[in-house]
PDB file of N, CA and C in Angstrom:
ATOM      1  N   MET A   1     131.270 -20.179 214.769  1.00  0.00           N
ATOM      2  CA  MET A   1     132.527 -20.307 214.574  1.00  0.00           C
ATOM      3  C   MET A   1     133.376 -19.935 215.828  1.00  0.00           C
ATOM      4  N   PRO A   2     134.426 -21.435 215.806  1.00  0.00           N
ATOM      5  CA  PRO A   2     134.825 -21.107 217.248  1.00  0.00           C
ATOM      6  C   PRO A   2     135.553 -19.531 217.110  1.00  0.00           C
ATOM      7  N   ASN A   3     135.650 -19.367 218.756  1.00  0.00           N
ATOM      8  CA  ASN A   3     136.490 -18.031 218.698  1.00  0.00           C
ATOM      9  C   ASN A   3     137.767 -17.712 219.683  1.00  0.00           C
ATOM     10  N   LEU A   4     137.627 -19.140 220.019  1.00  0.00           N
ATOM     11  CA  LEU A   4     137.829 -19.554 221.759  1.00  0.00           C
ATOM     12  C   LEU A   4     139.243 -20.105 222.070  1.00  0.00           C
ATOM     13  N   PHE A   5     140.174 -20.404 222.066  1.00  0.00           N
ATOM     14  CA  PHE A   5     140.914 -21.471 222.218  1.00  0.00           C
ATOM     15  C   PHE A   5     141.317 -20.980 223.797  1.00  0.00           C
ATOM     16  N   ILE A   6     140.926 -22.919 224.563  1.00  0.00           N
ATOM     17  CA  ILE A   6     141.468 -22.692 226.267  1.00  0.00           C
ATOM     18  C   ILE A   6     142.580 -23.845 226.359  1.00  0.00           C
ATOM     19  N   LEU A   7     144.104 -23.341 226.457  1.00  0.00           N
ATOM     20  CA  LEU A   7     144.866 -23.887 227.402  1.00  0.00           C
ATOM     21  C   LEU A   7     144.074 -24.525 228.673  1.00  0.00           C
ATOM     22  N   TYR A   8     144.993 -25.778 229.049  1.00  0.00           N
ATOM     23  CA  TYR A   8     144.460 -26.572 229.886  1.00  0.00           C
ATOM     24  C   TYR A   8     145.553 -26.285 230.824  1.00  0.00           C
ATOM     25  N   VAL A   9     146.233 -26.050 231.770  1.00  0.00           N
ATOM     26  CA  VAL A   9     147.522 -25.404 232.484  1.00  0.00           C
ATOM     27  C   VAL A   9     147.267 -26.177 234.321  1.00  0.00           C
ATOM     28  N   ASP A  10     148.809 -25.917 234.707  1.00  0.00           N
ATOM     29  CA  ASP A  10     148.591 -26.641 235.894  1.00  0.00           C
ATOM     30  C   ASP A  10     148.322 -24.970 236.467  1.00  0.00           C
ATOM     31  N   ASP A  11     148.821 -24.005 236.231  1.00  0.00           N
ATOM     32  CA  ASP A  11     148.819 -22.638 237.461  1.00  0.00           C
ATOM     33  C   ASP A  11     148.708 -21.695 236.733  1.00  0.00           C
ATOM     34  N   PRO A  12     147.196 -20.984 235.898  1.00  0.00           N
ATOM     35  CA  PRO A  12     146.835 -19.883 234.884  1.00  0.00           C
ATOM     36  C   PRO A  12     147.693 -18.809 236.353  1.00  0.00           C
ATOM     37  N   LYS A  13     147.379 -18.385 237.306  1.00  0.00           N
ATOM     38  CA  LYS A  13     149.055 -16.971 236.983  1.00  0.00           C
ATOM     39  C   LYS A  13     150.440 -17.477 236.251  1.00  0.00           C
ATOM     40  N   THR A  14     150.836 -18.198 236.548  1.00  0.00           N
ATOM     41  CA  THR A  14     152.290 -18.527 236.189  1.00  0.00           C
ATOM     42  C   THR A  14     151.850 -18.697 234.318  1.00  0.00           C
ATOM     43  N   SER A  15     150.609 -19.094 234.148  1.00  0.00           N
ATOM     44  CA  SER A  15     150.961 -18.908 232.769  1.00  0.00           C
ATOM     45  C   SER A  15     149.977 -17.462 232.306  1.00  0.00           C
ATOM     46  N   ALA A  16     149.156 -16.840 233.059  1.00  0.00           N
ATOM     47  CA  ALA A  16     148.991 -15.128 232.377  1.00  0.00           C
ATOM     48  C   ALA A  16     150.220 -14.647 232.614  1.00  0.00           C
ATOM     49  N   ALA A  17     150.999 -14.917 233.471  1.00  0.00           N
ATOM     50  CA  ALA A  17     152.115 -13.590 233.469  1.00  0.00           C
ATOM     51  C   ALA A  17     153.293 -14.102 232.210  1.00  0.00           C
ATOM     52  N   PHE A  18     153.208 -15.522 230.937  1.00  0.00           N
ATOM     53  CA  PHE A  18     154.110 -16.041 230.437  1.00  0.00           C
ATOM     54  C   PHE A  18     153.289 -14.964 229.397  1.00  0.00           C
ATOM     55  N   TYR A  19     151.422 -15.261 229.388  1.00  0.00           N
ATOM     56  CA  TYR A  19     151.182 -14.802 227.826  1.00  0.00           C
ATOM     57  C   TYR A  19     151.220 -12.902 228.352  1.00  0.00           C
ATOM     58  N   SER A  20     150.884 -12.824 229.239  1.00  0.00           N
ATOM     59  CA  SER A  20     150.939 -11.073 229.286  1.00  0.00           C
ATOM     60  C   SER A  20     151.976 -10.897 228.488  1.00  0.00           C
ATOM     61  N   GLY A  21     153.304 -11.540 229.211  1.00  0.00           N
ATOM     62  CA  GLY A  21     155.323 -10.924 228.315  1.00  0.00           C
ATOM     63  C   GLY A  21     155.148 -11.066 227.078  1.00  0.00           C
ATOM     64  N   LEU A  22     153.944 -12.321 226.487  1.00  0.00           N
ATOM     65  CA  LEU A  22     154.371 -12.206 225.066  1.00  0.00           C
ATOM     66  C   LEU A  22     153.445 -11.634 223.976  1.00  0.00           C
ATOM     67  N   LEU A  23     152.014 -11.606 225.048  1.00  0.00           N
ATOM     68  CA  LEU A  23     151.080 -10.533 224.132  1.00  0.00           C
ATOM     69  C   LEU A  23     151.316  -9.169 224.410  1.00  0.00           C
ATOM     70  N   GLY A  24     151.838  -8.889 225.325  1.00  0.00           N
ATOM     71  CA  GLY A  24     152.196  -7.499 225.579  1.00  0.00           C
ATOM     72  C   GLY A  24     150.907  -6.910 226.350  1.00  0.00           C
ATOM     73  N   ARG A  25     150.395  -7.801 227.345  1.00  0.00           N
ATOM     74  CA  ARG A  25     148.846  -6.914 226.686  1.00  0.00           C
ATOM     75  C   ARG A  25     149.020  -7.779 228.881  1.00  0.00           C
ATOM     76  N   GLU A  26     147.171  -7.481 229.612  1.00  0.00           N
ATOM     77  CA  GLU A  26     146.993  -7.360 230.475  1.00  0.00           C
ATOM     78  C   GLU A  26     145.448  -8.642 230.172  1.00  0.00           C
ATOM     79  N   PRO A  27     145.530  -9.869 230.801  1.00  0.00           N
ATOM     80  CA  PRO A  27     144.617 -10.585 230.736  1.00  0.00           C
ATOM     81  C   PRO A  27     142.931  -9.607 230.398  1.00  0.00           C
ATOM     82  N   ALA A  28     142.083  -9.990 229.883  1.00  0.00           N
ATOM     83  CA  ALA A  28     141.451  -9.937 229.733  1.00  0.00           C
ATOM     84  C   ALA A  28     139.778  -9.494 230.903  1.00  0.00           C
ATOM     85  N   PHE A  29     140.291 -11.051 232.026  1.00  0.00           N
ATOM     86  CA  PHE A  29     140.063 -11.504 232.906  1.00  0.00           C
ATOM     87  C   PHE A  29     140.095 -12.527 233.317  1.00  0.00           C
ATOM     88  N   SER A  30     140.499 -12.171 234.720  1.00  0.00           N
ATOM     89  CA  SER A  30     140.901 -13.266 236.052  1.00  0.00           C
ATOM     90  C   SER A  30     140.293 -14.079 237.166  1.00  0.00           C
ATOM     91  N   ALA A  31     140.632 -14.825 236.895  1.00  0.00           N
ATOM     92  CA  ALA A  31     139.539 -15.809 238.368  1.00  0.00           C
ATOM     93  C   ALA A  31     140.891 -16.865 238.877  1.00  0.00           C
ATOM     94  N   PRO A  32     141.145 -17.314 239.900  1.00  0.00           N
ATOM     95  CA  PRO A  32     141.715 -18.560 240.168  1.00  0.00           C
ATOM     96  C   PRO A  32     141.839 -19.230 239.761  1.00  0.00           C
ATOM     97  N   THR A  33     140.863 -20.218 239.111  1.00  0.00           N
ATOM     98  CA  THR A  33     140.995 -20.968 237.629  1.00  0.00           C
ATOM     99  C   THR A  33     140.831 -21.083 236.284  1.00  0.00           C
ATOM    100  N   TYR A  34     140.999 -19.734 236.412  1.00  0.00           N
ATOM    101  CA  TYR A  34     140.473 -19.371 234.807  1.00  0.00           C
ATOM    102  C   TYR A  34     141.452 -18.005 234.411  1.00  0.00           C
ATOM    103  N   VAL A  35     141.644 -17.540 232.887  1.00  0.00           N
ATOM    104  CA  VAL A  35     142.161 -16.182 232.555  1.00  0.00           C
ATOM    105  C   VAL A  35     141.895 -15.882 231.393  1.00  0.00           C
ATOM    106  N   SER A  36     141.489 -14.944 230.433  1.00  0.00           N
ATOM    107  CA  SER A  36     141.013 -14.957 229.244  1.00  0.00           C
ATOM    108  C   SER A  36     141.965 -13.763 229.185  1.00  0.00           C
ATOM    109  N   PHE A  37     142.194 -13.667 227.394  1.00  0.00           N
ATOM    110  CA  PHE A  37     142.634 -12.483 227.420  1.00  0.00           C
ATOM    111  C   PHE A  37     142.216 -12.484 225.771  1.00  0.00           C
ATOM    112  N   GLU A  38     142.405 -11.120 225.069  1.00  0.00           N
ATOM    113  CA  GLU A  38     141.886 -10.965 223.750  1.00  0.00           C
ATOM    114  C   GLU A  38     142.432 -10.667 223.016  1.00  0.00           C
ATOM    115  N   LEU A  39     142.381 -11.607 221.439  1.00  0.00           N
ATOM    116  CA  LEU A  39     143.409 -11.423 220.975  1.00  0.00           C
ATOM    117  C   LEU A  39     143.229 -10.910 219.494  1.00  0.00           C
ATOM    118  N   GLY A  40     142.399  -9.855 219.550  1.00  0.00           N
ATOM    119  CA  GLY A  40     141.808  -9.482 218.378  1.00  0.00           C
ATOM    120  C   GLY A  40     140.888 -10.004 217.699  1.00  0.00           C
ATOM    121  N   SER A  41     140.086  -9.332 216.595  1.00  0.00           N
ATOM    122  CA  SER A  41     139.311  -9.780 215.117  1.00  0.00           C
ATOM    123  C   SER A  41     138.590 -10.411 216.527  1.00  0.00           C
ATOM    124  N   GLY A  42     138.257 -10.606 218.188  1.00  0.00           N
ATOM    125  CA  GLY A  42     136.798 -11.241 218.146  1.00  0.00           C
ATOM    126  C   GLY A  42     137.282 -12.653 218.989  1.00  0.00           C
ATOM    127  N   PHE A  43     138.612 -13.162 218.817  1.00  0.00           N
ATOM    128  CA  PHE A  43     139.502 -14.572 219.069  1.00  0.00           C
ATOM    129  C   PHE A  43     139.803 -14.289 220.717  1.00  0.00           C
ATOM    130  N   MET A  44     139.886 -14.724 221.326  1.00  0.00           N
ATOM    131  CA  MET A  44     140.407 -15.181 222.726  1.00  0.00           C
ATOM    132  C   MET A  44     141.193 -16.462 222.930  1.00  0.00           C
ATOM    133  N   LEU A  45     142.142 -16.572 224.035  1.00  0.00           N
ATOM    134  CA  LEU A  45     142.811 -17.053 224.456  1.00  0.00           C
ATOM    135  C   LEU A  45     142.335 -16.847 225.838  1.00  0.00           C
ATOM    136  N   GLY A  46     141.827 -18.487 226.121  1.00  0.00           N
ATOM    137  CA  GLY A  46     141.909 -18.843 227.490  1.00  0.00           C
ATOM    138  C   GLY A  46     142.434 -20.028 228.375  1.00  0.00           C
ATOM    139  N   LEU A  47     142.947 -19.669 229.496  1.00  0.00           N
ATOM    140  CA  LEU A  47     143.664 -20.599 230.438  1.00  0.00           C
ATOM    141  C   LEU A  47     143.173 -20.825 231.539  1.00  0.00           C
ATOM    142  N   LEU A  48     143.009 -22.159 231.263  1.00  0.00           N
ATOM    143  CA  LEU A  48     141.684 -23.360 232.523  1.00  0.00           C
ATOM    144  C   LEU A  48     142.696 -24.184 233.042  1.00  0.00           C
ATOM    145  N   SER A  49     142.608 -24.237 234.707  1.00  0.00           N
ATOM    146  CA  SER A  49     143.227 -24.942 235.349  1.00  0.00           C
ATOM    147  C   SER A  49     142.863 -25.642 235.184  1.00  0.00           C
ATOM    148  N   LYS A  50     143.514 -26.848 234.923  1.00  0.00           N
ATOM    149  CA  LYS A  50     143.720 -28.496 235.371  1.00  0.00           C
ATOM    150  C   LYS A  50     142.815 -29.488 236.251  1.00  0.00           C
ATOM    151  N   ALA A  51     142.890 -28.627 237.056  1.00  0.00           N
ATOM    152  CA  ALA A  51     141.852 -28.984 238.439  1.00  0.00           C
ATOM    153  C   ALA A  51     140.518 -28.628 238.705  1.00  0.00           C
ATOM    154  N   SER A  52     140.145 -27.473 237.593  1.00  0.00           N
ATOM    155  CA  SER A  52     138.475 -27.467 237.458  1.00  0.00           C
ATOM    156  C   SER A  52     138.244 -27.958 236.784  1.00  0.00           C
ATOM    157  N   PRO A  53     136.853 -28.454 237.979  1.00  0.00           N
ATOM    158  CA  PRO A  53     135.977 -29.109 237.140  1.00  0.00           C
ATOM    159  C   PRO A  53     135.238 -28.800 235.844  1.00  0.00           C
ATOM    160  N   ALA A  54     135.827 -27.648 235.402  1.00  0.00           N
ATOM    161  CA  ALA A  54     135.551 -27.088 233.968  1.00  0.00           C
ATOM    162  C   ALA A  54     136.366 -27.898 232.192  1.00  0.00           C
ATOM    163  N   ALA A  55     137.479 -28.376 232.927  1.00  0.00           N
ATOM    164  CA  ALA A  55     138.728 -29.450 232.062  1.00  0.00           C
ATOM    165  C   ALA A  55     138.012 -30.044 231.919  1.00  0.00           C
ATOM    166  N   VAL A  56     138.314 -30.568 231.038  1.00  0.00           N
ATOM    167  CA  VAL A  56     138.408 -31.970 230.043  1.00  0.00           C
ATOM    168  C   VAL A  56     139.294 -32.425 229.216  1.00  0.00           C
ATOM    169  N   SER A  57     139.543 -33.498 229.510  1.00  0.00           N
ATOM    170  CA  SER A  57     140.639 -34.295 229.202  1.00  0.00           C
ATOM    171  C   SER A  57     141.476 -33.860 227.683  1.00  0.00           C
ATOM    172  N   GLY A  58     142.904 -34.057 227.649  1.00  0.00           N
ATOM    173  CA  GLY A  58     143.743 -33.648 226.569  1.00  0.00           C
ATOM    174  C   GLY A  58     145.007 -33.431 226.736  1.00  0.00           C
ATOM    175  N   LYS A  59     145.472 -33.419 225.462  1.00  0.00           N
ATOM    176  CA  LYS A  59     147.219 -34.081 225.618  1.00  0.00           C
ATOM    177  C   LYS A  59     147.882 -32.645 225.210  1.00  0.00           C
ATOM    178  N   GLY A  60     147.049 -31.800 224.747  1.00  0.00           N
ATOM    179  CA  GLY A  60     147.981 -30.327 224.643  1.00  0.00           C
ATOM    180  C   GLY A  60     147.304 -29.672 223.038  1.00  0.00           C
ATOM    181  N   PHE A  61     148.102 -28.244 223.078  1.00  0.00           N
ATOM    182  CA  PHE A  61     147.235 -27.880 221.743  1.00  0.00           C
ATOM    183  C   PHE A  61     148.760 -26.642 221.601  1.00  0.00           C
ATOM    184  N   GLU A  62     148.260 -26.571 219.949  1.00  0.00           N
ATOM    185  CA  GLU A  62     149.543 -25.342 219.055  1.00  0.00           C
ATOM    186  C   GLU A  62     148.839 -23.927 218.886  1.00  0.00           C
ATOM    187  N   LEU A  63     148.911 -23.177 219.099  1.00  0.00           N
ATOM    188  CA  LEU A  63     148.934 -21.674 219.232  1.00  0.00           C
ATOM    189  C   LEU A  63     150.033 -20.975 218.469  1.00  0.00           C
ATOM    190  N   ALA A  64     150.039 -20.888 217.366  1.00  0.00           N
ATOM    191  CA  ALA A  64     150.120 -19.546 216.586  1.00  0.00           C
ATOM    192  C   ALA A  64     150.232 -18.165 216.830  1.00  0.00           C
ATOM    193  N   PHE A  65     151.415 -17.463 216.387  1.00  0.00           N
ATOM    194  CA  PHE A  65     151.650 -16.249 216.429  1.00  0.00           C
ATOM    195  C   PHE A  65     152.136 -15.992 214.953  1.00  0.00           C
ATOM    196  N   LEU A  66     151.082 -15.321 213.932  1.00  0.00           N
ATOM    197  CA  LEU A  66     151.944 -14.993 212.978  1.00  0.00           C
ATOM    198  C   LEU A  66     152.619 -13.873 212.656  1.00  0.00           C
ATOM    199  N   ALA A  67     153.559 -13.904 212.078  1.00  0.00           N
ATOM    200  CA  ALA A  67     154.513 -12.110 212.161  1.00  0.00           C
ATOM    201  C   ALA A  67     154.563 -11.535 210.752  1.00  0.00           C
ATOM    202  N   GLY A  68     155.031 -11.153 210.352  1.00  0.00           N
ATOM    203  CA  GLY A  68     155.130  -9.710 208.967  1.00  0.00           C
ATOM    204  C   GLY A  68     156.643 -10.591 208.049  1.00  0.00           C
ATOM    205  N   GLY A  69     156.682 -11.537 207.797  1.00  0.00           N
ATOM    206  CA  GLY A  69     157.938 -11.924 207.349  1.00  0.00           C
ATOM    207  C   GLY A  69     159.320 -12.215 208.137  1.00  0.00           C
ATOM    208  N   ALA A  70     160.174 -12.926 207.226  1.00  0.00           N
ATOM    209  CA  ALA A  70     161.802 -13.378 208.155  1.00  0.00           C
ATOM    210  C   ALA A  70     161.909 -12.622 209.027  1.00  0.00           C
ATOM    211  N   GLU A  71     162.387 -11.172 208.719  1.00  0.00           N
ATOM    212  CA  GLU A  71     162.702 -10.093 210.228  1.00  0.00           C
ATOM    213  C   GLU A  71     161.952 -10.075 210.404  1.00  0.00           C
ATOM    214  N   ALA A  72     160.779 -10.094 210.637  1.00  0.00           N
ATOM    215  CA  ALA A  72     159.510  -9.998 212.268  1.00  0.00           C
ATOM    216  C   ALA A  72     159.331 -11.202 212.889  1.00  0.00           C
ATOM    217  N   VAL A  73     159.788 -12.531 212.235  1.00  0.00           N
ATOM    218  CA  VAL A  73     159.817 -13.672 213.132  1.00  0.00           C
ATOM    219  C   VAL A  73     160.903 -13.598 213.777  1.00  0.00           C
ATOM    220  N   ASP A  74     162.710 -13.412 213.176  1.00  0.00           N
ATOM    221  CA  ASP A  74     163.851 -13.429 213.847  1.00  0.00           C
ATOM    222  C   ASP A  74     163.567 -11.656 215.406  1.00  0.00           C
ATOM    223  N   GLY A  75     163.102 -10.961 214.848  1.00  0.00           N
ATOM    224  CA  GLY A  75     162.190 -10.042 215.916  1.00  0.00           C
ATOM    225  C   GLY A  75     161.929 -10.751 217.137  1.00  0.00           C
ATOM    226  N   GLU A  76     160.825 -11.237 217.017  1.00  0.00           N
ATOM    227  CA  GLU A  76     159.805 -11.462 217.787  1.00  0.00           C
ATOM    228  C   GLU A  76     160.569 -12.854 218.205  1.00  0.00           C
ATOM    229  N   HIS A  77     161.419 -13.811 217.874  1.00  0.00           N
ATOM    230  CA  HIS A  77     162.962 -14.387 218.807  1.00  0.00           C
ATOM    231  C   HIS A  77     163.122 -14.103 219.516  1.00  0.00           C
ATOM    232  N   ARG A  78     163.860 -12.878 218.800  1.00  0.00           N
ATOM    233  CA  ARG A  78     165.126 -12.176 219.949  1.00  0.00           C
ATOM    234  C   ARG A  78     164.008 -11.939 221.301  1.00  0.00           C
ATOM    235  N   ARG A  79     163.404 -11.500 221.523  1.00  0.00           N
ATOM    236  CA  ARG A  79     162.073 -10.505 222.708  1.00  0.00           C
ATOM    237  C   ARG A  79     161.483 -11.408 223.353  1.00  0.00           C
ATOM    238  N   TRP A  80     161.283 -12.789 222.243  1.00  0.00           N
ATOM    239  CA  TRP A  80     160.960 -13.888 223.166  1.00  0.00           C
ATOM    240  C   TRP A  80     162.108 -14.101 224.112  1.00  0.00           C
ATOM    241  N   ARG A  81     163.150 -14.900 223.399  1.00  0.00           N
ATOM    242  CA  ARG A  81     163.995 -15.213 224.580  1.00  0.00           C
ATOM    243  C   ARG A  81     164.553 -14.180 225.735  1.00  0.00           C
ATOM    244  N   GLU A  82     164.835 -12.399 225.677  1.00  0.00           N
ATOM    245  CA  GLU A  82     164.941 -11.551 226.361  1.00  0.00           C
ATOM    246  C   GLU A  82     163.592 -11.385 227.614  1.00  0.00           C
ATOM    247  N   LEU A  83     162.510 -12.440 227.317  1.00  0.00           N
ATOM    248  CA  LEU A  83     161.622 -12.774 228.219  1.00  0.00           C
ATOM    249  C   LEU A  83     161.763 -14.002 228.684  1.00  0.00           C
ATOM    250  N   GLY A  84     162.961 -14.536 228.564  1.00  0.00           N
ATOM    251  CA  GLY A  84     163.175 -15.751 229.346  1.00  0.00           C
ATOM    252  C   GLY A  84     162.497 -16.873 228.539  1.00  0.00           C
ATOM    253  N   VAL A  85     161.811 -16.837 227.845  1.00  0.00           N
ATOM    254  CA  VAL A  85     161.191 -17.608 227.008  1.00  0.00           C
ATOM    255  C   VAL A  85     162.424 -18.913 226.167  1.00  0.00           C
ATOM    256  N   ASP A  86     162.211 -20.354 226.310  1.00  0.00           N
ATOM    257  CA  ASP A  86     163.036 -21.361 225.862  1.00  0.00           C
ATOM    258  C   ASP A  86     162.725 -21.567 224.314  1.00  0.00           C
ATOM    259  N   ALA A  87     162.465 -20.466 223.845  1.00  0.00           N
ATOM    260  CA  ALA A  87     161.969 -20.357 222.752  1.00  0.00           C
ATOM    261  C   ALA A  87     163.651 -21.117 221.117  1.00  0.00           C
ATOM    262  N   GLY A  88     162.995 -22.199 220.466  1.00  0.00           N
ATOM    263  CA  GLY A  88     163.772 -22.802 220.004  1.00  0.00           C
ATOM    264  C   GLY A  88     164.895 -21.709 218.003  1.00  0.00           C
ATOM    265  N   GLU A  89     165.745 -22.392 218.357  1.00  0.00           N
ATOM    266  CA  GLU A  89     166.085 -21.223 216.990  1.00  0.00           C
ATOM    267  C   GLU A  89     165.238 -20.934 215.749  1.00  0.00           C
ATOM    268  N   PRO A  90     165.074 -19.987 215.241  1.00  0.00           N
ATOM    269  CA  PRO A  90     164.217 -19.409 213.982  1.00  0.00           C
ATOM    270  C   PRO A  90     165.139 -20.954 213.011  1.00  0.00           C
ATOM    271  N   PHE A  91     164.224 -21.229 211.522  1.00  0.00           N
ATOM    272  CA  PHE A  91     164.675 -22.201 210.728  1.00  0.00           C
ATOM    273  C   PHE A  91     163.349 -21.577 209.666  1.00  0.00           C
ATOM    274  N   ASP A  92     163.692 -22.214 208.407  1.00  0.00           N
ATOM    275  CA  ASP A  92     162.606 -21.726 206.957  1.00  0.00           C
ATOM    276  C   ASP A  92     162.222 -23.185 206.893  1.00  0.00           C
ATOM    277  N   ALA A  93     160.431 -22.900 207.445  1.00  0.00           N
ATOM    278  CA  ALA A  93     160.206 -24.257 207.112  1.00  0.00           C
ATOM    279  C   ALA A  93     159.423 -23.718 205.535  1.00  0.00           C
ATOM    280  N   GLN A  94     158.474 -25.012 205.173  1.00  0.00           N
ATOM    281  CA  GLN A  94     157.833 -24.650 203.406  1.00  0.00           C
ATOM    282  C   GLN A  94     156.770 -23.279 203.715  1.00  0.00           C
ATOM    283  N   PHE A  95     156.318 -23.226 204.713  1.00  0.00           N
ATOM    284  CA  PHE A  95     155.253 -22.477 204.534  1.00  0.00           C
ATOM    285  C   PHE A  95     156.361 -20.658 204.961  1.00  0.00           C
ATOM    286  N   GLY A  96     157.562 -21.507 205.612  1.00  0.00           N
ATOM    287  CA  GLY A  96     158.044 -19.623 206.216  1.00  0.00           C
ATOM    288  C   GLY A  96     159.273 -19.686 206.969  1.00  0.00           C
ATOM    289  N   ARG A  97     159.757 -18.512 207.693  1.00  0.00           N
ATOM    290  CA  ARG A  97     160.212 -18.377 208.858  1.00  0.00           C
ATOM    291  C   ARG A  97     159.647 -19.117 209.975  1.00  0.00           C
ATOM    292  N   THR A  98     160.311 -19.519 210.929  1.00  0.00           N
ATOM    293  CA  THR A  98     159.363 -20.266 211.722  1.00  0.00           C
ATOM    294  C   THR A  98     160.095 -20.600 213.069  1.00  0.00           C
ATOM    295  N   PHE A  99     159.742 -20.093 215.069  1.00  0.00           N
ATOM    296  CA  PHE A  99     160.553 -21.053 214.990  1.00  0.00           C
ATOM    297  C   PHE A  99     159.590 -21.724 215.987  1.00  0.00           C
ATOM    298  N   THR A 100     159.096 -22.197 216.787  1.00  0.00           N
ATOM    299  CA  THR A 100     158.718 -23.208 218.712  1.00  0.00           C
ATOM    300  C   THR A 100     159.337 -22.390 219.839  1.00  0.00           C
ATOM    301  N   ALA A 101     158.364 -22.276 220.504  1.00  0.00           N
ATOM    302  CA  ALA A 101     158.664 -22.544 221.935  1.00  0.00           C
ATOM    303  C   ALA A 101     157.786 -22.607 223.071  1.00  0.00           C
ATOM    304  N   PRO A 102     158.192 -23.197 224.211  1.00  0.00           N
ATOM    305  CA  PRO A 102     157.381 -24.184 224.792  1.00  0.00           C
ATOM    306  C   PRO A 102     156.673 -22.860 226.102  1.00  0.00           C
ATOM    307  N   ASP A 103     154.754 -23.221 226.005  1.00  0.00           N
ATOM    308  CA  ASP A 103     155.117 -22.279 227.642  1.00  0.00           C
ATOM    309  C   ASP A 103     155.056 -22.799 228.955  1.00  0.00           C
ATOM    310  N   PRO A 104     154.366 -22.396 230.185  1.00  0.00           N
ATOM    311  CA  PRO A 104     155.362 -23.459 230.789  1.00  0.00           C
ATOM    312  C   PRO A 104     154.469 -24.396 231.339  1.00  0.00           C
ATOM    313  N   ASP A 105     153.025 -25.363 230.321  1.00  0.00           N
ATOM    314  CA  ASP A 105     152.711 -26.627 230.452  1.00  0.00           C
ATOM    315  C   ASP A 105     153.261 -27.177 229.200  1.00  0.00           C
ATOM    316  N   GLY A 106     154.205 -27.084 228.106  1.00  0.00           N
ATOM    317  CA  GLY A 106     154.580 -27.693 227.465  1.00  0.00           C
ATOM    318  C   GLY A 106     153.401 -27.564 226.130  1.00  0.00           C
ATOM    319  N   HIS A 107     152.665 -26.483 226.231  1.00  0.00           N
ATOM    320  CA  HIS A 107     151.989 -26.170 224.616  1.00  0.00           C
ATOM    321  C   HIS A 107     152.709 -25.267 223.820  1.00  0.00           C
TER     322      HIS A 107
END
């Protein structure tokens, strides 16, 4: 069963700072070309340098963060904007309230 999401990034240190702010935690592991975060329930987020020999070609990835209802989504949106994230305005989609925001590599 998959339990690791890997994003190919230009600079793992920059991306780690971005995700530390969003996740409210420090990385579980950090090296010059790879940083990982524990997400809970056995899931991990890996940030791998595009320059690493371990990186394979790929176009991008979408990572979803679930929140407990419309008010929680709006609250997360405010928090992300306060962190300097270029988050789009929240909107109601067929599956509920949502917004999108790119990380430093456009994911």
